[in-house]
């Protein structure tokens, strides 16, 4: 065990998808660590294993081998309810496809994150985040009425509502124009400056350069830095 305290530490992750006719190895011995206040980008082409990596780190996809420690806790030693509680308390997710609830308005979508971690001040925190991301005038609108940039800002506000220690962001700028992409990357950098940890996966060189540290991924493996 490392003497340094990491928010996230992974060791020797392997994951293979087994199909009837063939197997695809998505992760090949992936190891890395992430400290508080650190912004790490993992860059690689589509199909290299980036999304599989984030799903395993988020407690959503059990690896075949290896260990994940989030705040020194292995989520896969927990039962489903405790693992969900760990996600709600420590991890925020940002996805390329937003995953907003189509029939909820902006404020309701942001507050959806509090369903797994109820708190008396969730509404106040949601309103502050909505203002911070420039969504106050859109607060009553549903996702179909929003631009892609606005949808991603709603997703960011939702991810930050529970004040997570770790943000996992999977291609968060993939569907955005340059202006909105810069706004999202600046929000992630600000989260890190405030002491949070960010792991960004992306295929984009410009997005990757916004991070403090960059690792390249190819065919399920992290290349030597």
Protein backbone atom coordinates (compact mmCIF):
# COMPACT_ATOMS: atom_id res chain seq x y z
CA UNK A 1 0.00 0.00 0.00
CA UNK A 2 1.33 3.41 -0.96
CA UNK A 3 2.04 5.76 1.94
CA UNK A 4 0.58 8.69 -0.02
CA UNK A 5 -3.13 9.34 0.33
CA UNK A 6 -4.85 9.17 -3.04
CA UNK A 7 -8.46 9.97 -3.82
CA UNK A 8 -8.28 7.30 -6.52
CA UNK A 9 -5.83 4.45 -6.94
CA UNK A 10 -6.15 1.59 -9.41
CA UNK A 11 -3.88 -1.40 -9.79
CA UNK A 12 -3.64 -3.83 -12.66
CA UNK A 13 -7.18 -3.52 -14.06
CA UNK A 14 -8.19 -6.07 -16.67
CA UNK A 15 -11.57 -6.26 -18.39
CA UNK A 16 -12.57 -8.52 -21.27
CA UNK A 17 -15.91 -8.52 -23.05
CA UNK A 18 -16.74 -12.04 -24.05
CA UNK A 19 -18.97 -12.58 -27.05
CA UNK A 20 -20.12 -15.84 -28.54
CA UNK A 21 -17.58 -15.80 -31.34
CA UNK A 22 -14.74 -13.74 -29.91
CA UNK A 23 -13.42 -11.84 -26.91
CA UNK A 24 -12.38 -8.20 -26.77
CA UNK A 25 -9.85 -7.12 -24.16
CA UNK A 26 -10.87 -3.58 -23.17
CA UNK A 27 -8.44 -3.04 -20.26
CA UNK A 28 -4.97 -4.55 -20.05
CA UNK A 29 -3.32 -4.09 -16.67
CA UNK A 30 -4.24 -0.42 -16.21
CA UNK A 31 -2.76 1.27 -13.13
CA UNK A 32 -2.84 4.93 -12.09
CA UNK A 33 -3.41 7.21 -9.12
CA UNK A 34 -5.05 10.58 -8.61
CA UNK A 35 -4.54 13.00 -5.73
CA UNK A 36 -6.81 15.72 -4.37
CA UNK A 37 -6.68 18.81 -6.57
CA UNK A 38 -5.27 16.90 -9.56
CA UNK A 39 -6.71 17.04 -13.08
CA UNK A 40 -5.69 14.01 -15.16
CA UNK A 41 -6.58 13.43 -18.81
CA UNK A 42 -6.52 10.00 -20.44
CA UNK A 43 -6.42 10.51 -24.20
CA UNK A 44 -6.90 7.92 -26.89
CA UNK A 45 -8.94 7.01 -29.98
CA UNK A 46 -12.46 5.63 -29.93
CA UNK A 47 -12.52 2.00 -28.86
CA UNK A 48 -9.27 2.11 -26.87
CA UNK A 49 -10.99 1.37 -23.54
CA UNK A 50 -11.54 4.86 -22.11
CA UNK A 51 -15.25 4.48 -21.36
CA UNK A 52 -14.73 1.00 -19.92
CA UNK A 53 -12.10 2.49 -17.63
CA UNK A 54 -14.49 5.15 -16.32
CA UNK A 55 -17.30 2.67 -15.81
CA UNK A 56 -15.08 0.42 -13.74
CA UNK A 57 -13.78 3.37 -11.72
CA UNK A 58 -17.32 4.56 -11.06
CA UNK A 59 -18.40 1.25 -9.57
CA UNK A 60 -20.65 0.49 -12.55
CA UNK A 61 -18.68 -2.31 -14.22
CA UNK A 62 -16.76 -4.91 -12.24
CA UNK A 63 -13.26 -5.56 -13.60
CA UNK A 64 -12.09 -9.12 -14.21
CA UNK A 65 -8.84 -8.52 -12.32
CA UNK A 66 -7.20 -5.73 -10.36
CA UNK A 67 -8.23 -3.37 -7.60
CA UNK A 68 -9.84 0.06 -7.40
CA UNK A 69 -9.52 2.20 -4.27
CA UNK A 70 -11.70 5.31 -3.93
CA UNK A 71 -10.84 7.15 -0.74
CA UNK A 72 -9.10 3.88 0.28
CA UNK A 73 -12.34 1.91 -0.23
CA UNK A 74 -12.72 -0.81 -2.87
CA UNK A 75 -16.27 -0.34 -4.24
CA UNK A 76 -16.43 -3.94 -5.43
CA UNK A 77 -16.11 -5.27 -1.88
CA UNK A 78 -19.40 -3.50 -1.08
CA UNK A 79 -22.94 -4.65 -1.65
CA UNK A 80 -25.06 -2.83 -4.28
CA UNK A 81 -26.65 -0.37 -1.82
CA UNK A 82 -23.36 0.59 -0.16
CA UNK A 83 -21.65 0.89 -3.55
CA UNK A 84 -24.43 3.21 -4.74
CA UNK A 85 -24.02 5.26 -1.56
CA UNK A 86 -20.28 5.55 -2.17
CA UNK A 87 -20.96 6.82 -5.70
CA UNK A 88 -23.50 9.36 -4.45
CA UNK A 89 -21.17 10.70 -1.75
CA UNK A 90 -17.82 10.80 -3.53
CA UNK A 91 -18.20 10.61 -7.34
CA UNK A 92 -19.73 12.92 -9.92
CA UNK A 93 -20.23 11.71 -13.51
CA UNK A 94 -20.21 13.80 -16.70
CA UNK A 95 -20.96 12.02 -19.99
CA UNK A 96 -20.82 13.02 -23.65
CA UNK A 97 -24.51 12.19 -24.09
CA UNK A 98 -25.58 14.19 -20.98
CA UNK A 99 -28.11 11.57 -19.73
CA UNK A 100 -30.61 14.22 -18.64
CA UNK A 101 -34.16 13.18 -17.80
CA UNK A 102 -36.20 14.49 -20.77
CA UNK A 103 -39.37 15.38 -18.85
CA UNK A 104 -37.58 17.24 -16.01
CA UNK A 105 -36.64 20.89 -16.23
CA UNK A 106 -33.15 22.26 -15.59
CA UNK A 107 -33.54 22.63 -11.83
CA UNK A 108 -35.16 19.22 -11.46
CA UNK A 109 -32.39 17.56 -13.48
CA UNK A 110 -29.72 19.15 -11.29
CA UNK A 111 -31.59 18.10 -8.14
CA UNK A 112 -31.87 14.52 -9.41
CA UNK A 113 -28.36 13.96 -8.03
CA UNK A 114 -29.67 14.54 -4.51
CA UNK A 115 -32.05 11.56 -4.69
CA UNK A 116 -29.20 9.28 -3.62
CA UNK A 117 -27.98 11.72 -0.98
CA UNK A 118 -30.82 13.89 0.39
CA UNK A 119 -29.86 17.10 2.18
CA UNK A 120 -31.71 20.12 3.48
CA UNK A 121 -29.66 22.59 1.42
CA UNK A 122 -29.77 20.72 -1.91
CA UNK A 123 -32.16 23.26 -3.44
CA UNK A 124 -29.97 26.19 -2.43
CA UNK A 125 -26.86 24.51 -3.82
CA UNK A 126 -28.70 23.67 -7.05
CA UNK A 127 -29.71 27.31 -7.49
CA UNK A 128 -26.12 28.47 -6.96
CA UNK A 129 -24.83 26.01 -9.54
CA UNK A 130 -27.55 26.98 -12.02
CA UNK A 131 -26.51 30.62 -11.65
CA UNK A 132 -22.81 29.74 -11.86
CA UNK A 133 -23.33 27.95 -15.17
CA UNK A 134 -25.45 30.72 -16.66
CA UNK A 135 -28.69 28.75 -16.69
CA UNK A 136 -30.94 30.94 -14.53
CA UNK A 137 -33.05 32.13 -17.47
CA UNK A 138 -33.45 28.51 -18.66
CA UNK A 139 -34.32 26.99 -15.31
CA UNK A 140 -37.88 25.99 -16.26
CA UNK A 141 -36.90 24.51 -19.64
CA UNK A 142 -36.66 20.79 -20.38
CA UNK A 143 -33.63 19.35 -22.23
CA UNK A 144 -35.35 19.40 -25.64
CA UNK A 145 -35.52 23.21 -25.36
CA UNK A 146 -31.81 23.60 -24.57
CA UNK A 147 -28.72 23.80 -26.74
CA UNK A 148 -26.08 21.08 -26.49
CA UNK A 149 -23.84 23.44 -24.54
CA UNK A 150 -26.64 24.20 -22.08
CA UNK A 151 -27.36 20.49 -21.67
CA UNK A 152 -23.74 19.81 -20.81
CA UNK A 153 -23.74 22.65 -18.29
CA UNK A 154 -26.83 21.13 -16.66
CA UNK A 155 -25.00 17.80 -16.53
CA UNK A 156 -21.99 19.50 -14.90
CA UNK A 157 -24.18 21.19 -12.31
CA UNK A 158 -25.82 17.84 -11.53
CA UNK A 159 -22.42 16.17 -11.18
CA UNK A 160 -21.25 18.84 -8.73
CA UNK A 161 -24.42 19.07 -6.64
CA UNK A 162 -23.32 16.62 -3.95
CA UNK A 163 -19.86 18.24 -3.66
CA UNK A 164 -18.05 15.11 -4.84
CA UNK A 165 -14.35 14.56 -4.29
CA UNK A 166 -13.90 12.95 -7.72
CA UNK A 167 -15.32 13.91 -11.12
CA UNK A 168 -15.25 11.30 -13.89
CA UNK A 169 -15.78 13.00 -17.26
CA UNK A 170 -16.18 10.87 -20.40
CA UNK A 171 -15.69 12.93 -23.60
CA UNK A 172 -17.58 15.89 -22.06
CA UNK A 173 -16.66 18.20 -24.96
CA UNK A 174 -17.28 15.68 -27.74
CA UNK A 175 -20.58 17.23 -28.88
CA UNK A 176 -19.71 20.87 -28.19
CA UNK A 177 -18.49 23.84 -30.21
CA UNK A 178 -15.22 25.50 -29.22
CA UNK A 179 -16.79 28.13 -26.95
CA UNK A 180 -18.86 25.65 -24.95
CA UNK A 181 -15.96 23.18 -24.83
CA UNK A 182 -13.74 25.85 -23.28
CA UNK A 183 -16.42 26.63 -20.68
CA UNK A 184 -16.72 22.96 -19.70
CA UNK A 185 -12.95 22.48 -19.45
CA UNK A 186 -12.59 25.64 -17.38
CA UNK A 187 -15.29 24.36 -15.01
CA UNK A 188 -13.37 21.09 -14.59
CA UNK A 189 -10.12 23.00 -13.99
CA UNK A 190 -11.84 25.20 -11.42
CA UNK A 191 -13.18 22.11 -9.65
CA UNK A 192 -9.59 20.85 -9.38
CA UNK A 193 -8.32 24.23 -8.17
CA UNK A 194 -10.90 24.05 -5.39
CA UNK A 195 -9.40 20.73 -4.25
CA UNK A 196 -11.44 18.18 -6.21
CA UNK A 197 -9.96 15.47 -8.42
CA UNK A 198 -10.82 15.16 -12.11
CA UNK A 199 -10.27 12.24 -14.49
CA UNK A 200 -11.12 13.26 -18.04
CA UNK A 201 -11.18 10.79 -20.92
CA UNK A 202 -11.05 12.27 -24.40
CA UNK A 203 -9.86 11.72 -27.95
CA UNK A 204 -9.20 15.44 -28.37
CA UNK A 205 -5.68 16.89 -28.01
CA UNK A 206 -6.96 20.36 -27.09
CA UNK A 207 -9.18 19.02 -24.31
CA UNK A 208 -6.38 16.81 -22.99
CA UNK A 209 -3.99 19.77 -22.80
CA UNK A 210 -6.28 21.48 -20.28
CA UNK A 211 -5.33 18.88 -17.65
CA UNK A 212 -2.38 18.98 -15.25
CA UNK A 213 -1.23 15.55 -16.38
CA UNK A 214 -1.80 13.47 -19.50
CA UNK A 215 -1.69 9.72 -20.09
CA UNK A 216 -2.14 8.18 -23.51
CA UNK A 217 -4.26 5.04 -23.93
CA UNK A 218 -4.07 2.54 -26.77
CA UNK A 219 -5.73 -0.85 -27.20
CA UNK A 220 -6.76 -1.08 -23.55
CA UNK A 221 -3.39 -0.14 -22.05
CA UNK A 222 -1.95 3.10 -20.67
CA UNK A 223 1.28 4.00 -22.40
CA UNK A 224 4.34 4.97 -20.39
CA UNK A 225 4.31 8.69 -19.62
